[in-house]
Amino acid sequence: MSVYTLQDSDTGEEWEENCKFDELAQLLENNPSYRRVWKPVGFVSIHGSVMSRTDGDFRDHLKSIKKKYPGNTIDNS
């Protein structure tokens, strides 16, 4: 089941309804003053580079690869 945000257009009241989509469609059909409110979903974003969160052992491994194969483009900073 999903959580839907609904609003009564007569009163302006908003609430969340936990139901199946079919139940939501029936609820909206039976109550013409109700409407579904679309809210943005919260996203998780990553700040910084991957290397800033990499442990020291992996960085040491990249350094050894860079030494062994000169001219490569590995960035181990």
PDB file of N, CA and C in Angstrom:
ATOM      1  N   MET A   1       0.835  -1.179   0.000  1.00  0.00           N
ATOM      2  CA  MET A   1       0.000   0.000   0.000  1.00  0.00           C
ATOM      3  C   MET A   1       0.881   1.244   0.000  1.00  0.00           C
ATOM      4  N   SER A   2       0.343   2.290  -0.566  1.00  0.00           N
ATOM      5  CA  SER A   2       1.084   3.547  -0.682  1.00  0.00           C
ATOM      6  C   SER A   2       0.423   4.632   0.150  1.00  0.00           C
ATOM      7  N   VAL A   3       1.170   5.696   0.361  1.00  0.00           N
ATOM      8  CA  VAL A   3       0.654   6.841   1.095  1.00  0.00           C
ATOM      9  C   VAL A   3       0.403   7.961   0.090  1.00  0.00           C
ATOM     10  N   TYR A   4      -0.818   8.472   0.075  1.00  0.00           N
ATOM     11  CA  TYR A   4      -1.217   9.539  -0.835  1.00  0.00           C
ATOM     12  C   TYR A   4      -1.624  10.758  -0.015  1.00  0.00           C
ATOM     13  N   THR A   5      -1.290  11.937  -0.506  1.00  0.00           N
ATOM     14  CA  THR A   5      -1.707  13.176   0.128  1.00  0.00           C
ATOM     15  C   THR A   5      -2.972  13.650  -0.565  1.00  0.00           C
ATOM     16  N   LEU A   6      -4.004  13.889   0.232  1.00  0.00           N
ATOM     17  CA  LEU A   6      -5.288  14.341  -0.299  1.00  0.00           C
ATOM     18  C   LEU A   6      -5.631  15.695   0.298  1.00  0.00           C
ATOM     19  N   GLN A   7      -6.512  16.417  -0.408  1.00  0.00           N
ATOM     20  CA  GLN A   7      -6.960  17.712   0.073  1.00  0.00           C
ATOM     21  C   GLN A   7      -8.452  17.843  -0.200  1.00  0.00           C
ATOM     22  N   ASP A   8      -9.161  18.380   0.765  1.00  0.00           N
ATOM     23  CA  ASP A   8     -10.571  18.695   0.582  1.00  0.00           C
ATOM     24  C   ASP A   8     -10.616  20.116   0.019  1.00  0.00           C
ATOM     25  N   SER A   9     -11.070  20.264  -1.221  1.00  0.00           N
ATOM     26  CA  SER A   9     -11.050  21.581  -1.860  1.00  0.00           C
ATOM     27  C   SER A   9     -12.049  22.540  -1.225  1.00  0.00           C
ATOM     28  N   ASP A  10     -13.038  22.027  -0.491  1.00  0.00           N
ATOM     29  CA  ASP A  10     -13.994  22.911   0.182  1.00  0.00           C
ATOM     30  C   ASP A  10     -13.388  23.552   1.429  1.00  0.00           C
ATOM     31  N   THR A  11     -12.665  22.772   2.212  1.00  0.00           N
ATOM     32  CA  THR A  11     -12.110  23.279   3.475  1.00  0.00           C
ATOM     33  C   THR A  11     -10.623  23.611   3.393  1.00  0.00           C
ATOM     34  N   GLY A  12      -9.919  23.066   2.394  1.00  0.00           N
ATOM     35  CA  GLY A  12      -8.480  23.280   2.277  1.00  0.00           C
ATOM     36  C   GLY A  12      -7.663  22.354   3.156  1.00  0.00           C
ATOM     37  N   GLU A  13      -8.337  21.461   3.883  1.00  0.00           N
ATOM     38  CA  GLU A  13      -7.655  20.526   4.781  1.00  0.00           C
ATOM     39  C   GLU A  13      -6.870  19.491   3.977  1.00  0.00           C
ATOM     40  N   GLU A  14      -5.636  19.208   4.410  1.00  0.00           N
ATOM     41  CA  GLU A  14      -4.784  18.188   3.777  1.00  0.00           C
ATOM     42  C   GLU A  14      -4.524  17.061   4.763  1.00  0.00           C
ATOM     43  N   TRP A  15      -4.440  15.831   4.260  1.00  0.00           N
ATOM     44  CA  TRP A  15      -4.124  14.676   5.083  1.00  0.00           C
ATOM     45  C   TRP A  15      -3.525  13.588   4.205  1.00  0.00           C
ATOM     46  N   GLU A  16      -2.903  12.635   4.860  1.00  0.00           N
ATOM     47  CA  GLU A  16      -2.307  11.507   4.148  1.00  0.00           C
ATOM     48  C   GLU A  16      -3.197  10.289   4.312  1.00  0.00           C
ATOM     49  N   GLU A  17      -3.366   9.563   3.224  1.00  0.00           N
ATOM     50  CA  GLU A  17      -4.208   8.369   3.202  1.00  0.00           C
ATOM     51  C   GLU A  17      -3.334   7.182   2.818  1.00  0.00           C
ATOM     52  N   ASN A  18      -3.357   6.151   3.628  1.00  0.00           N
ATOM     53  CA  ASN A  18      -2.580   4.935   3.376  1.00  0.00           C
ATOM     54  C   ASN A  18      -3.536   3.887   2.813  1.00  0.00           C
ATOM     55  N   CYS A  19      -3.486   3.661   1.488  1.00  0.00           N
ATOM     56  CA  CYS A  19      -4.430   2.739   0.862  1.00  0.00           C
ATOM     57  C   CYS A  19      -3.874   2.246  -0.472  1.00  0.00           C
ATOM     58  N   LYS A  20      -4.567   1.266  -1.045  1.00  0.00           N
ATOM     59  CA  LYS A  20      -4.212   0.782  -2.379  1.00  0.00           C
ATOM     60  C   LYS A  20      -4.690   1.799  -3.407  1.00  0.00           C
ATOM     61  N   PHE A  21      -4.125   1.722  -4.616  1.00  0.00           N
ATOM     62  CA  PHE A  21      -4.475   2.690  -5.653  1.00  0.00           C
ATOM     63  C   PHE A  21      -5.949   2.575  -6.031  1.00  0.00           C
ATOM     64  N   ASP A  22      -6.469   1.347  -6.088  1.00  0.00           N
ATOM     65  CA  ASP A  22      -7.889   1.158  -6.413  1.00  0.00           C
ATOM     66  C   ASP A  22      -8.792   1.808  -5.357  1.00  0.00           C
ATOM     67  N   GLU A  23      -8.386   1.673  -4.075  1.00  0.00           N
ATOM     68  CA  GLU A  23      -9.150   2.302  -2.994  1.00  0.00           C
ATOM     69  C   GLU A  23      -9.100   3.821  -3.107  1.00  0.00           C
ATOM     70  N   LEU A  24      -7.944   4.349  -3.515  1.00  0.00           N
ATOM     71  CA  LEU A  24      -7.806   5.788  -3.698  1.00  0.00           C
ATOM     72  C   LEU A  24      -8.736   6.268  -4.806  1.00  0.00           C
ATOM     73  N   ALA A  25      -8.769   5.546  -5.926  1.00  0.00           N
ATOM     74  CA  ALA A  25      -9.624   5.926  -7.042  1.00  0.00           C
ATOM     75  C   ALA A  25     -11.096   5.931  -6.612  1.00  0.00           C
ATOM     76  N   GLN A  26     -11.488   4.944  -5.816  1.00  0.00           N
ATOM     77  CA  GLN A  26     -12.864   4.874  -5.334  1.00  0.00           C
ATOM     78  C   GLN A  26     -13.164   6.024  -4.365  1.00  0.00           C
ATOM     79  N   LEU A  27     -12.216   6.336  -3.489  1.00  0.00           N
ATOM     80  CA  LEU A  27     -12.387   7.437  -2.543  1.00  0.00           C
ATOM     81  C   LEU A  27     -12.563   8.762  -3.274  1.00  0.00           C
ATOM     82  N   LEU A  28     -11.739   9.004  -4.295  1.00  0.00           N
ATOM     83  CA  LEU A  28     -11.832  10.247  -5.059  1.00  0.00           C
ATOM     84  C   LEU A  28     -13.122  10.308  -5.865  1.00  0.00           C
ATOM     85  N   GLU A  29     -13.577   9.165  -6.344  1.00  0.00           N
ATOM     86  CA  GLU A  29     -14.812   9.113  -7.129  1.00  0.00           C
ATOM     87  C   GLU A  29     -16.033   9.388  -6.243  1.00  0.00           C
ATOM     88  N   ASN A  30     -16.020   8.866  -5.020  1.00  0.00           N
ATOM     89  CA  ASN A  30     -17.158   9.022  -4.110  1.00  0.00           C
ATOM     90  C   ASN A  30     -17.203  10.388  -3.434  1.00  0.00           C
ATOM     91  N   ASN A  31     -16.091  11.098  -3.424  1.00  0.00           N
ATOM     92  CA  ASN A  31     -16.009  12.415  -2.782  1.00  0.00           C
ATOM     93  C   ASN A  31     -15.475  13.430  -3.783  1.00  0.00           C
ATOM     94  N   PRO A  32     -16.346  14.104  -4.511  1.00  0.00           N
ATOM     95  CA  PRO A  32     -15.899  15.019  -5.574  1.00  0.00           C
ATOM     96  C   PRO A  32     -15.078  16.208  -5.071  1.00  0.00           C
ATOM     97  N   SER A  33     -15.196  16.558  -3.795  1.00  0.00           N
ATOM     98  CA  SER A  33     -14.414  17.697  -3.288  1.00  0.00           C
ATOM     99  C   SER A  33     -12.991  17.294  -2.917  1.00  0.00           C
ATOM    100  N   TYR A  34     -12.688  15.995  -2.896  1.00  0.00           N
ATOM    101  CA  TYR A  34     -11.335  15.527  -2.588  1.00  0.00           C
ATOM    102  C   TYR A  34     -10.504  15.538  -3.858  1.00  0.00           C
ATOM    103  N   ARG A  35      -9.254  15.908  -3.683  1.00  0.00           N
ATOM    104  CA  ARG A  35      -8.328  15.825  -4.818  1.00  0.00           C
ATOM    105  C   ARG A  35      -6.974  15.378  -4.304  1.00  0.00           C
ATOM    106  N   ARG A  36      -6.224  14.774  -5.185  1.00  0.00           N
ATOM    107  CA  ARG A  36      -4.889  14.299  -4.824  1.00  0.00           C
ATOM    108  C   ARG A  36      -3.901  15.444  -4.959  1.00  0.00           C
ATOM    109  N   VAL A  37      -3.027  15.576  -3.981  1.00  0.00           N
ATOM    110  CA  VAL A  37      -1.994  16.620  -3.985  1.00  0.00           C
ATOM    111  C   VAL A  37      -0.667  15.949  -4.287  1.00  0.00           C
ATOM    112  N   TRP A  38       0.008  16.449  -5.296  1.00  0.00           N
ATOM    113  CA  TRP A  38       1.311  15.888  -5.672  1.00  0.00           C
ATOM    114  C   TRP A  38       2.398  16.627  -4.922  1.00  0.00           C
ATOM    115  N   LYS A  39       3.186  15.880  -4.190  1.00  0.00           N
ATOM    116  CA  LYS A  39       4.297  16.448  -3.409  1.00  0.00           C
ATOM    117  C   LYS A  39       5.610  15.891  -3.960  1.00  0.00           C
ATOM    118  N   PRO A  40       6.670  16.684  -3.947  1.00  0.00           N
ATOM    119  CA  PRO A  40       7.959  16.181  -4.419  1.00  0.00           C
ATOM    120  C   PRO A  40       8.507  15.112  -3.483  1.00  0.00           C
ATOM    121  N   VAL A  41       9.171  14.172  -4.062  1.00  0.00           N
ATOM    122  CA  VAL A  41       9.799  13.101  -3.293  1.00  0.00           C
ATOM    123  C   VAL A  41      11.170  13.575  -2.840  1.00  0.00           C
ATOM    124  N   GLY A  42      11.534  13.255  -1.609  1.00  0.00           N
ATOM    125  CA  GLY A  42      12.854  13.633  -1.114  1.00  0.00           C
ATOM    126  C   GLY A  42      13.928  12.744  -1.721  1.00  0.00           C
ATOM    127  N   PHE A  43      14.952  13.342  -2.261  1.00  0.00           N
ATOM    128  CA  PHE A  43      16.041  12.601  -2.883  1.00  0.00           C
ATOM    129  C   PHE A  43      17.292  12.683  -2.023  1.00  0.00           C
ATOM    130  N   VAL A  44      18.072  11.644  -2.057  1.00  0.00           N
ATOM    131  CA  VAL A  44      19.353  11.622  -1.376  1.00  0.00           C
ATOM    132  C   VAL A  44      20.416  11.963  -2.403  1.00  0.00           C
ATOM    133  N   SER A  45      21.246  12.917  -2.103  1.00  0.00           N
ATOM    134  CA  SER A  45      22.310  13.279  -3.030  1.00  0.00           C
ATOM    135  C   SER A  45      23.656  13.093  -2.347  1.00  0.00           C
ATOM    136  N   ILE A  46      24.669  12.936  -3.153  1.00  0.00           N
ATOM    137  CA  ILE A  46      26.020  12.722  -2.649  1.00  0.00           C
ATOM    138  C   ILE A  46      26.802  14.016  -2.805  1.00  0.00           C
ATOM    139  N   HIS A  47      27.440  14.434  -1.738  1.00  0.00           N
ATOM    140  CA  HIS A  47      28.269  15.634  -1.783  1.00  0.00           C
ATOM    141  C   HIS A  47      29.727  15.211  -1.746  1.00  0.00           C
ATOM    142  N   GLY A  48      30.541  15.850  -2.553  1.00  0.00           N
ATOM    143  CA  GLY A  48      31.959  15.527  -2.595  1.00  0.00           C
ATOM    144  C   GLY A  48      32.240  14.421  -3.607  1.00  0.00           C
ATOM    145  N   SER A  49      33.506  14.114  -3.764  1.00  0.00           N
ATOM    146  CA  SER A  49      33.890  13.094  -4.733  1.00  0.00           C
ATOM    147  C   SER A  49      33.912  11.714  -4.092  1.00  0.00           C
ATOM    148  N   VAL A  50      33.971  10.708  -4.918  1.00  0.00           N
ATOM    149  CA  VAL A  50      34.052   9.331  -4.430  1.00  0.00           C
ATOM    150  C   VAL A  50      35.371   9.129  -3.693  1.00  0.00           C
ATOM    151  N   MET A  51      36.437   9.729  -4.198  1.00  0.00           N
ATOM    152  CA  MET A  51      37.752   9.551  -3.578  1.00  0.00           C
ATOM    153  C   MET A  51      37.794  10.152  -2.170  1.00  0.00           C
ATOM    154  N   SER A  52      36.987  11.156  -1.900  1.00  0.00           N
ATOM    155  CA  SER A  52      37.007  11.744  -0.558  1.00  0.00           C
ATOM    156  C   SER A  52      36.417  10.789   0.475  1.00  0.00           C
ATOM    157  N   ARG A  53      35.646   9.801   0.032  1.00  0.00           N
ATOM    158  CA  ARG A  53      35.054   8.826   0.953  1.00  0.00           C
ATOM    159  C   ARG A  53      35.715   7.451   0.846  1.00  0.00           C
ATOM    160  N   THR A  54      36.824   7.362   0.126  1.00  0.00           N
ATOM    161  CA  THR A  54      37.526   6.098  -0.059  1.00  0.00           C
ATOM    162  C   THR A  54      38.566   5.915   1.033  1.00  0.00           C
ATOM    163  N   ASP A  55      38.689   4.691   1.537  1.00  0.00           N
ATOM    164  CA  ASP A  55      39.647   4.453   2.626  1.00  0.00           C
ATOM    165  C   ASP A  55      41.088   4.463   2.109  1.00  0.00           C
ATOM    166  N   GLY A  56      42.026   4.556   3.018  1.00  0.00           N
ATOM    167  CA  GLY A  56      43.447   4.678   2.693  1.00  0.00           C
ATOM    168  C   GLY A  56      44.010   3.462   1.974  1.00  0.00           C
ATOM    169  N   ASP A  57      43.542   2.254   2.293  1.00  0.00           N
ATOM    170  CA  ASP A  57      44.050   1.048   1.638  1.00  0.00           C
ATOM    171  C   ASP A  57      43.794   1.078   0.135  1.00  0.00           C
ATOM    172  N   PHE A  58      42.604   1.518  -0.255  1.00  0.00           N
ATOM    173  CA  PHE A  58      42.291   1.576  -1.676  1.00  0.00           C
ATOM    174  C   PHE A  58      43.131   2.635  -2.376  1.00  0.00           C
ATOM    175  N   ARG A  59      43.340   3.759  -1.707  1.00  0.00           N
ATOM    176  CA  ARG A  59      44.188   4.809  -2.293  1.00  0.00           C
ATOM    177  C   ARG A  59      45.625   4.315  -2.467  1.00  0.00           C
ATOM    178  N   ASP A  60      46.133   3.555  -1.485  1.00  0.00           N
ATOM    179  CA  ASP A  60      47.475   2.987  -1.601  1.00  0.00           C
ATOM    180  C   ASP A  60      47.546   2.013  -2.773  1.00  0.00           C
ATOM    181  N   HIS A  61      46.478   1.257  -2.962  1.00  0.00           N
ATOM    182  CA  HIS A  61      46.429   0.312  -4.088  1.00  0.00           C
ATOM    183  C   HIS A  61      46.465   1.068  -5.424  1.00  0.00           C
ATOM    184  N   LEU A  62      45.736   2.164  -5.511  1.00  0.00           N
ATOM    185  CA  LEU A  62      45.768   2.974  -6.735  1.00  0.00           C
ATOM    186  C   LEU A  62      47.160   3.554  -6.982  1.00  0.00           C
ATOM    187  N   LYS A  63      47.835   3.979  -5.916  1.00  0.00           N
ATOM    188  CA  LYS A  63      49.193   4.510  -6.061  1.00  0.00           C
ATOM    189  C   LYS A  63      50.143   3.446  -6.600  1.00  0.00           C
ATOM    190  N   SER A  64      50.008   2.208  -6.098  1.00  0.00           N
ATOM    191  CA  SER A  64      50.892   1.139  -6.591  1.00  0.00           C
ATOM    192  C   SER A  64      50.591   0.808  -8.057  1.00  0.00           C
ATOM    193  N   ILE A  65      49.351   0.870  -8.465  1.00  0.00           N
ATOM    194  CA  ILE A  65      49.006   0.645  -9.875  1.00  0.00           C
ATOM    195  C   ILE A  65      49.599   1.755 -10.724  1.00  0.00           C
ATOM    196  N   LYS A  66      49.496   2.992 -10.255  1.00  0.00           N
ATOM    197  CA  LYS A  66      50.030   4.135 -11.007  1.00  0.00           C
ATOM    198  C   LYS A  66      51.543   4.018 -11.181  1.00  0.00           C
ATOM    199  N   LYS A  67      52.255   3.538 -10.132  1.00  0.00           N
ATOM    200  CA  LYS A  67      53.708   3.346 -10.223  1.00  0.00           C
ATOM    201  C   LYS A  67      54.064   2.240 -11.214  1.00  0.00           C
ATOM    202  N   LYS A  68      53.281   1.159 -11.171  1.00  0.00           N
ATOM    203  CA  LYS A  68      53.589  -0.017 -11.989  1.00  0.00           C
ATOM    204  C   LYS A  68      53.350   0.237 -13.476  1.00  0.00           C
ATOM    205  N   TYR A  69      52.352   1.055 -13.792  1.00  0.00           N
ATOM    206  CA  TYR A  69      52.003   1.321 -15.193  1.00  0.00           C
ATOM    207  C   TYR A  69      52.118   2.808 -15.477  1.00  0.00           C
ATOM    208  N   PRO A  70      53.322   3.289 -15.816  1.00  0.00           N
ATOM    209  CA  PRO A  70      53.510   4.715 -16.093  1.00  0.00           C
ATOM    210  C   PRO A  70      52.704   5.151 -17.322  1.00  0.00           C
ATOM    211  N   GLY A  71      52.224   6.375 -17.293  1.00  0.00           N
ATOM    212  CA  GLY A  71      51.462   6.906 -18.428  1.00  0.00           C
ATOM    213  C   GLY A  71      49.982   6.663 -18.312  1.00  0.00           C
ATOM    214  N   ASN A  72      49.530   5.991 -17.232  1.00  0.00           N
ATOM    215  CA  ASN A  72      48.093   5.744 -17.095  1.00  0.00           C
ATOM    216  C   ASN A  72      47.388   6.998 -16.605  1.00  0.00           C
ATOM    217  N   THR A  73      46.086   6.963 -16.573  1.00  0.00           N
ATOM    218  CA  THR A  73      45.306   8.153 -16.198  1.00  0.00           C
ATOM    219  C   THR A  73      44.601   7.989 -14.849  1.00  0.00           C
ATOM    220  N   ILE A  74      45.115   7.118 -13.998  1.00  0.00           N
ATOM    221  CA  ILE A  74      44.499   6.930 -12.688  1.00  0.00           C
ATOM    222  C   ILE A  74      44.716   8.175 -11.832  1.00  0.00           C
ATOM    223  N   ASP A  75      43.633   8.653 -11.259  1.00  0.00           N
ATOM    224  CA  ASP A  75      43.715   9.811 -10.364  1.00  0.00           C
ATOM    225  C   ASP A  75      43.623   9.307  -8.949  1.00  0.00           C
ATOM    226  N   ASN A  76      44.711   9.359  -8.230  1.00  0.00           N
ATOM    227  CA  ASN A  76      44.724   8.843  -6.863  1.00  0.00           C
ATOM    228  C   ASN A  76      44.809   9.953  -5.817  1.00  0.00           C
ATOM    229  N   SER A  77      44.294  11.111  -6.163  1.00  0.00           N
ATOM    230  CA  SER A  77      44.352  12.237  -5.212  1.00  0.00           C
ATOM    231  C   SER A  77      43.196  12.216  -4.251  1.00  0.00           C
TER     232      SER A  77
END
